[in-house]
Amino acid sequence: MDRIEPTLSDEKIRAEIAKLAAETARLDVERSEQVKAEIAKLVAETAKINAEARWYPFVATAGLFAAALAFLKLMDVVMR
């Protein structure tokens, strides 16, 4: 059986496939970096929200306490 020699068009097709594969790999790396950056941003935002959630009840309680004291003081001034 004779061996068939690759034609020039076969080589062009292989070169184009290799070029497309390299470009796809580059795009995959870029997209992966974008996804990692987005995940890092979301993690930072989550940490900020969690930190705020820890101290928010204390601030709300202090505000309510201050408002109650102000109301009592106002009632004391009005009653005199």
Protein backbone atom coordinates (compact mmCIF):
# COMPACT_ATOMS: atom_id res chain seq x y z
CA MET A 1 0.00 0.00 0.00
CA ASP A 2 1.34 3.37 -0.92
CA ARG A 3 1.66 6.09 1.66
CA ILE A 4 -0.32 9.23 0.82
CA GLU A 5 1.74 12.40 1.12
CA PRO A 6 -0.01 15.30 2.88
CA THR A 7 -1.00 18.02 0.52
CA LEU A 8 -0.38 21.70 0.98
CA SER A 9 -4.03 22.29 1.83
CA ASP A 10 -3.79 19.65 4.58
CA GLU A 11 -0.85 21.53 6.07
CA LYS A 12 -2.79 24.80 5.88
CA ILE A 13 -5.75 23.20 7.65
CA ARG A 14 -3.49 21.80 10.37
CA ALA A 15 -1.81 25.20 10.80
CA GLU A 16 -5.19 26.92 11.05
CA ILE A 17 -6.38 24.35 13.60
CA ALA A 18 -3.22 24.88 15.66
CA LYS A 19 -3.69 28.67 15.45
CA LEU A 20 -7.31 28.39 16.58
CA ALA A 21 -6.37 26.01 19.41
CA ALA A 22 -3.70 28.45 20.66
CA GLU A 23 -6.13 31.37 20.49
CA THR A 24 -8.79 29.38 22.34
CA ALA A 25 -6.28 28.48 25.05
CA ARG A 26 -5.32 32.16 25.42
CA LEU A 27 -8.96 33.19 25.67
CA ASP A 28 -9.59 30.47 28.26
CA VAL A 29 -6.73 31.81 30.39
CA GLU A 30 -8.02 35.40 30.10
CA ARG A 31 -11.55 34.34 31.00
CA SER A 32 -10.25 32.30 33.92
CA GLU A 33 -8.40 35.36 35.25
CA GLN A 34 -11.55 37.48 34.88
CA VAL A 35 -13.59 34.91 36.80
CA LYS A 36 -10.95 34.73 39.55
CA ALA A 37 -10.94 38.54 39.84
CA GLU A 38 -14.74 38.62 40.07
CA ILE A 39 -14.69 35.92 42.76
CA ALA A 40 -12.09 37.89 44.75
CA LYS A 41 -14.28 41.00 44.51
CA LEU A 42 -17.34 39.08 45.73
CA VAL A 43 -15.38 37.56 48.62
CA ALA A 44 -14.22 41.05 49.69
CA GLU A 45 -17.77 42.43 49.49
CA THR A 46 -19.08 39.48 51.51
CA ALA A 47 -16.45 40.04 54.20
CA LYS A 48 -17.46 43.71 54.40
CA ILE A 49 -21.14 42.85 54.71
CA ASN A 50 -20.41 40.24 57.38
CA ALA A 51 -18.31 42.73 59.36
CA GLU A 52 -21.11 45.30 59.20
CA ALA A 53 -23.65 42.68 60.23
CA ARG A 54 -21.67 42.04 63.43
CA TRP A 55 -21.69 45.63 64.73
CA TYR A 56 -25.01 46.81 63.28
CA PRO A 57 -27.19 45.46 66.15
CA PHE A 58 -25.03 47.30 68.69
CA VAL A 59 -25.33 50.59 66.81
CA ALA A 60 -29.09 50.16 66.40
CA THR A 61 -29.47 49.39 70.11
CA ALA A 62 -27.37 52.42 71.06
CA GLY A 63 -29.48 54.62 68.78
CA LEU A 64 -32.69 53.31 70.29
CA PHE A 65 -31.33 53.83 73.79
CA ALA A 66 -30.30 57.41 72.94
CA ALA A 67 -33.72 58.11 71.45
CA ALA A 68 -35.44 56.74 74.56
CA LEU A 69 -33.28 58.91 76.82
CA ALA A 70 -33.98 61.97 74.69
CA PHE A 71 -37.69 61.24 74.81
CA LEU A 72 -37.61 60.84 78.61
CA LYS A 73 -35.66 64.06 78.99
CA LEU A 74 -38.12 65.87 76.71
CA MET A 75 -41.03 64.50 78.74
CA ASP A 76 -39.33 65.65 81.94
CA VAL A 77 -38.94 69.19 80.53
CA VAL A 78 -42.55 69.30 79.35
CA MET A 79 -43.93 68.02 82.67
CA ARG A 80 -42.18 70.73 84.73
